[in-house]
Amino acid sequence: MSTRNYGLGYSGEVIGKPIAEPIDDAAFQQSVKDSDGCPSCHCETIMQITVTLKSPVSPTGYARGIYLGCPACVWASPMVQMPIPSPEKTDG
């Protein structure tokens, strides 16, 4: 059950490992610090998380999802999904 009350409600099934990385954007990082950080716990660090999904809304059935999240609590932004080719297909 999802605790989020925005967006699709169900984003799809994550396949593979999520990748969390610091956001390499000085203006964004400064705006997070200026706005008291995470809107839930006020942590100053927000991470960018990238996942590969089996997505019911993608025309290819698969998507790359990117969203922001806090490493100290459960807060996360809505996810942006972009269709990608099936990761199971191989060249040749």
N, C-alpha and C. Protein backbone atom coordinates (compact mmCIF):
# COMPACT_ATOMS: atom_id res chain seq x y z
N MET A 1 0.83 -1.18 0.00
CA MET A 1 0.00 0.00 0.00
C MET A 1 0.88 1.25 0.00
N SER A 2 0.54 2.20 -0.84
CA SER A 2 1.32 3.42 -0.93
C SER A 2 0.83 4.46 0.07
N THR A 3 1.77 5.17 0.69
CA THR A 3 1.37 6.24 1.60
C THR A 3 1.35 7.59 0.90
N ARG A 4 1.67 7.60 -0.39
CA ARG A 4 1.68 8.85 -1.14
C ARG A 4 0.27 9.18 -1.62
N ASN A 5 -0.06 10.44 -1.63
CA ASN A 5 -1.40 10.85 -2.05
C ASN A 5 -1.34 11.76 -3.28
N TYR A 6 -0.38 11.53 -4.16
CA TYR A 6 -0.26 12.32 -5.37
C TYR A 6 0.22 11.42 -6.49
N GLY A 7 0.12 11.90 -7.70
CA GLY A 7 0.64 11.16 -8.85
C GLY A 7 -0.20 9.95 -9.19
N LEU A 8 0.44 8.94 -9.75
CA LEU A 8 -0.25 7.75 -10.23
C LEU A 8 -0.71 6.82 -9.11
N GLY A 9 -0.11 6.94 -7.93
CA GLY A 9 -0.43 6.01 -6.86
C GLY A 9 0.42 4.75 -6.96
N TYR A 10 0.54 4.20 -8.18
CA TYR A 10 1.38 3.03 -8.42
C TYR A 10 2.29 3.36 -9.59
N SER A 11 3.58 3.36 -9.36
CA SER A 11 4.53 3.77 -10.39
C SER A 11 5.04 2.61 -11.22
N GLY A 12 4.79 1.40 -10.79
CA GLY A 12 5.32 0.24 -11.49
C GLY A 12 6.23 -0.55 -10.58
N GLU A 13 6.80 -1.61 -11.13
CA GLU A 13 7.67 -2.50 -10.37
C GLU A 13 9.13 -2.14 -10.63
N VAL A 14 9.86 -1.83 -9.57
CA VAL A 14 11.28 -1.52 -9.71
C VAL A 14 12.03 -2.80 -10.06
N ILE A 15 12.85 -2.72 -11.11
CA ILE A 15 13.71 -3.86 -11.47
C ILE A 15 15.15 -3.38 -11.37
N GLY A 16 16.01 -4.19 -10.84
CA GLY A 16 17.39 -3.77 -10.62
C GLY A 16 17.52 -2.96 -9.34
N LYS A 17 18.69 -2.40 -9.17
CA LYS A 17 18.98 -1.64 -7.95
C LYS A 17 18.78 -0.15 -8.19
N PRO A 18 18.11 0.54 -7.26
CA PRO A 18 18.04 2.00 -7.36
C PRO A 18 19.44 2.60 -7.22
N ILE A 19 19.64 3.73 -7.88
CA ILE A 19 20.92 4.44 -7.78
C ILE A 19 20.64 5.79 -7.12
N ALA A 20 21.26 6.03 -5.98
CA ALA A 20 21.12 7.29 -5.27
C ALA A 20 22.44 8.04 -5.38
N GLU A 21 22.35 9.31 -5.81
CA GLU A 21 23.56 10.12 -5.94
C GLU A 21 23.29 11.54 -5.48
N PRO A 22 24.33 12.19 -5.00
CA PRO A 22 24.17 13.61 -4.63
C PRO A 22 23.76 14.40 -5.86
N ILE A 23 23.00 15.43 -5.66
CA ILE A 23 22.58 16.29 -6.77
C ILE A 23 23.71 17.27 -7.05
N ASP A 24 24.21 17.20 -8.27
CA ASP A 24 25.35 18.03 -8.67
C ASP A 24 24.85 19.34 -9.29
N ASP A 25 24.15 20.10 -8.52
CA ASP A 25 23.59 21.37 -8.99
C ASP A 25 23.67 22.36 -7.84
N ALA A 26 24.63 23.25 -7.89
CA ALA A 26 24.89 24.17 -6.77
C ALA A 26 23.68 25.04 -6.45
N ALA A 27 22.96 25.51 -7.48
CA ALA A 27 21.79 26.36 -7.23
C ALA A 27 20.70 25.57 -6.51
N PHE A 28 20.47 24.31 -6.91
CA PHE A 28 19.47 23.50 -6.23
C PHE A 28 19.88 23.24 -4.79
N GLN A 29 21.13 22.85 -4.57
CA GLN A 29 21.60 22.58 -3.21
C GLN A 29 21.47 23.82 -2.32
N GLN A 30 21.77 25.00 -2.87
CA GLN A 30 21.63 26.22 -2.08
C GLN A 30 20.16 26.48 -1.76
N SER A 31 19.26 26.22 -2.71
CA SER A 31 17.84 26.46 -2.45
C SER A 31 17.31 25.50 -1.39
N VAL A 32 17.84 24.26 -1.35
CA VAL A 32 17.44 23.31 -0.31
C VAL A 32 17.89 23.81 1.05
N LYS A 33 19.13 24.29 1.14
CA LYS A 33 19.63 24.80 2.41
C LYS A 33 18.88 26.06 2.84
N ASP A 34 18.58 26.94 1.86
CA ASP A 34 17.86 28.17 2.17
C ASP A 34 16.43 27.89 2.63
N SER A 35 15.85 26.79 2.15
CA SER A 35 14.46 26.49 2.49
C SER A 35 14.36 25.52 3.66
N ASP A 36 15.41 25.33 4.41
CA ASP A 36 15.42 24.47 5.58
C ASP A 36 15.50 22.99 5.24
N GLY A 37 15.99 22.66 4.03
CA GLY A 37 16.25 21.27 3.67
C GLY A 37 15.02 20.45 3.38
N CYS A 38 15.06 19.20 3.78
CA CYS A 38 13.96 18.26 3.56
C CYS A 38 12.67 18.82 4.17
N PRO A 39 11.57 18.80 3.43
CA PRO A 39 10.33 19.34 3.98
C PRO A 39 9.77 18.51 5.14
N SER A 40 10.26 17.29 5.33
CA SER A 40 9.75 16.46 6.42
C SER A 40 10.63 16.53 7.67
N CYS A 41 11.94 16.28 7.51
CA CYS A 41 12.82 16.21 8.69
C CYS A 41 13.86 17.33 8.74
N HIS A 42 13.94 18.14 7.69
CA HIS A 42 14.86 19.28 7.59
C HIS A 42 16.33 18.88 7.41
N CYS A 43 16.58 17.63 7.01
CA CYS A 43 17.94 17.21 6.65
C CYS A 43 18.42 18.12 5.52
N GLU A 44 19.68 18.52 5.52
CA GLU A 44 20.20 19.42 4.48
C GLU A 44 20.56 18.71 3.19
N THR A 45 20.59 17.38 3.18
CA THR A 45 20.99 16.64 1.99
C THR A 45 19.78 16.00 1.32
N ILE A 46 19.60 16.29 0.04
CA ILE A 46 18.57 15.66 -0.78
C ILE A 46 19.31 14.91 -1.88
N MET A 47 18.90 13.67 -2.15
CA MET A 47 19.56 12.84 -3.15
C MET A 47 18.67 12.70 -4.38
N GLN A 48 19.31 12.45 -5.54
CA GLN A 48 18.57 12.10 -6.75
C GLN A 48 18.58 10.58 -6.86
N ILE A 49 17.40 9.97 -6.99
CA ILE A 49 17.29 8.53 -7.09
C ILE A 49 16.82 8.18 -8.50
N THR A 50 17.50 7.22 -9.13
CA THR A 50 17.16 6.76 -10.47
C THR A 50 16.84 5.27 -10.38
N VAL A 51 15.70 4.88 -10.96
CA VAL A 51 15.29 3.48 -10.95
C VAL A 51 14.85 3.07 -12.36
N THR A 52 14.94 1.78 -12.65
CA THR A 52 14.37 1.21 -13.86
C THR A 52 13.09 0.49 -13.44
N LEU A 53 12.03 0.71 -14.20
CA LEU A 53 10.72 0.19 -13.82
C LEU A 53 10.08 -0.63 -14.93
N LYS A 54 9.29 -1.63 -14.54
CA LYS A 54 8.26 -2.19 -15.41
C LYS A 54 7.07 -1.27 -15.16
N SER A 55 6.70 -0.50 -16.17
CA SER A 55 5.74 0.57 -15.98
C SER A 55 4.46 0.34 -16.78
N PRO A 56 3.31 0.34 -16.12
CA PRO A 56 2.05 0.16 -16.85
C PRO A 56 1.67 1.36 -17.71
N VAL A 57 2.30 2.51 -17.50
CA VAL A 57 1.95 3.70 -18.27
C VAL A 57 2.93 4.01 -19.40
N SER A 58 4.03 3.28 -19.47
CA SER A 58 5.02 3.50 -20.53
C SER A 58 4.59 2.74 -21.78
N PRO A 59 4.71 3.38 -22.96
CA PRO A 59 4.34 2.68 -24.19
C PRO A 59 5.21 1.45 -24.48
N THR A 60 6.42 1.41 -23.94
CA THR A 60 7.30 0.26 -24.14
C THR A 60 7.17 -0.77 -23.01
N GLY A 61 6.46 -0.41 -21.94
CA GLY A 61 6.34 -1.29 -20.79
C GLY A 61 7.44 -1.10 -19.77
N TYR A 62 8.44 -0.29 -20.13
CA TYR A 62 9.57 -0.02 -19.23
C TYR A 62 9.83 1.48 -19.17
N ALA A 63 10.37 1.93 -18.06
CA ALA A 63 10.66 3.36 -17.90
C ALA A 63 11.86 3.54 -16.99
N ARG A 64 12.51 4.69 -17.15
CA ARG A 64 13.53 5.15 -16.21
C ARG A 64 12.82 6.19 -15.35
N GLY A 65 12.86 5.99 -14.06
CA GLY A 65 12.21 6.91 -13.13
C GLY A 65 13.26 7.69 -12.36
N ILE A 66 13.03 8.99 -12.22
CA ILE A 66 13.94 9.85 -11.47
C ILE A 66 13.12 10.66 -10.47
N TYR A 67 13.57 10.67 -9.24
CA TYR A 67 12.89 11.47 -8.21
C TYR A 67 13.92 11.90 -7.17
N LEU A 68 13.52 12.79 -6.31
CA LEU A 68 14.37 13.27 -5.23
C LEU A 68 13.92 12.62 -3.93
N GLY A 69 14.87 12.35 -3.05
CA GLY A 69 14.53 11.74 -1.78
C GLY A 69 15.49 12.16 -0.69
N CYS A 70 15.03 12.01 0.53
CA CYS A 70 15.84 12.34 1.70
C CYS A 70 16.48 11.07 2.25
N PRO A 71 17.79 11.07 2.51
CA PRO A 71 18.44 9.88 3.04
C PRO A 71 18.15 9.65 4.53
N ALA A 72 17.56 10.63 5.20
CA ALA A 72 17.34 10.52 6.64
C ALA A 72 15.91 10.16 7.02
N CYS A 73 14.98 10.25 6.08
CA CYS A 73 13.58 9.92 6.39
C CYS A 73 12.91 9.36 5.14
N VAL A 74 11.62 9.22 5.14
CA VAL A 74 10.90 8.60 4.02
C VAL A 74 10.42 9.59 2.97
N TRP A 75 10.73 10.89 3.11
CA TRP A 75 10.23 11.87 2.14
C TRP A 75 10.81 11.61 0.75
N ALA A 76 9.94 11.72 -0.25
CA ALA A 76 10.37 11.63 -1.64
C ALA A 76 9.45 12.50 -2.49
N SER A 77 10.00 13.04 -3.56
CA SER A 77 9.23 13.86 -4.48
C SER A 77 8.43 12.96 -5.43
N PRO A 78 7.51 13.53 -6.20
CA PRO A 78 6.91 12.74 -7.28
C PRO A 78 7.99 12.30 -8.26
N MET A 79 7.75 11.19 -8.94
CA MET A 79 8.71 10.63 -9.88
C MET A 79 8.39 11.07 -11.31
N VAL A 80 9.43 11.36 -12.07
CA VAL A 80 9.30 11.60 -13.50
C VAL A 80 9.69 10.30 -14.18
N GLN A 81 8.84 9.82 -15.10
CA GLN A 81 9.15 8.59 -15.83
C GLN A 81 9.37 8.90 -17.30
N MET A 82 10.40 8.26 -17.88
CA MET A 82 10.68 8.39 -19.30
C MET A 82 10.73 6.99 -19.90
N PRO A 83 9.98 6.72 -20.97
CA PRO A 83 10.01 5.39 -21.57
C PRO A 83 11.41 5.03 -22.04
N ILE A 84 11.76 3.76 -21.87
CA ILE A 84 13.04 3.23 -22.36
C ILE A 84 12.74 1.90 -23.07
N PRO A 85 13.64 1.44 -23.94
CA PRO A 85 13.47 0.12 -24.54
C PRO A 85 13.55 -0.96 -23.45
N SER A 86 13.05 -2.11 -23.74
CA SER A 86 13.12 -3.22 -22.80
C SER A 86 14.57 -3.50 -22.41
N PRO A 87 14.90 -3.50 -21.12
CA PRO A 87 16.27 -3.81 -20.71
C PRO A 87 16.62 -5.28 -20.95
N GLU A 88 15.63 -6.11 -21.27
CA GLU A 88 15.87 -7.54 -21.49
C GLU A 88 16.31 -7.83 -22.93
N LYS A 89 16.10 -6.87 -23.84
CA LYS A 89 16.51 -7.07 -25.23
C LYS A 89 18.02 -6.90 -25.34
N THR A 90 18.62 -7.67 -26.21
CA THR A 90 20.07 -7.55 -26.43
C THR A 90 20.32 -7.26 -27.90
N ASP A 91 21.43 -6.62 -28.19
CA ASP A 91 21.81 -6.35 -29.57
C ASP A 91 22.39 -7.62 -30.18
N GLY A 92 21.99 -7.93 -31.42
CA GLY A 92 22.59 -9.05 -32.13
C GLY A 92 21.77 -10.24 -31.97
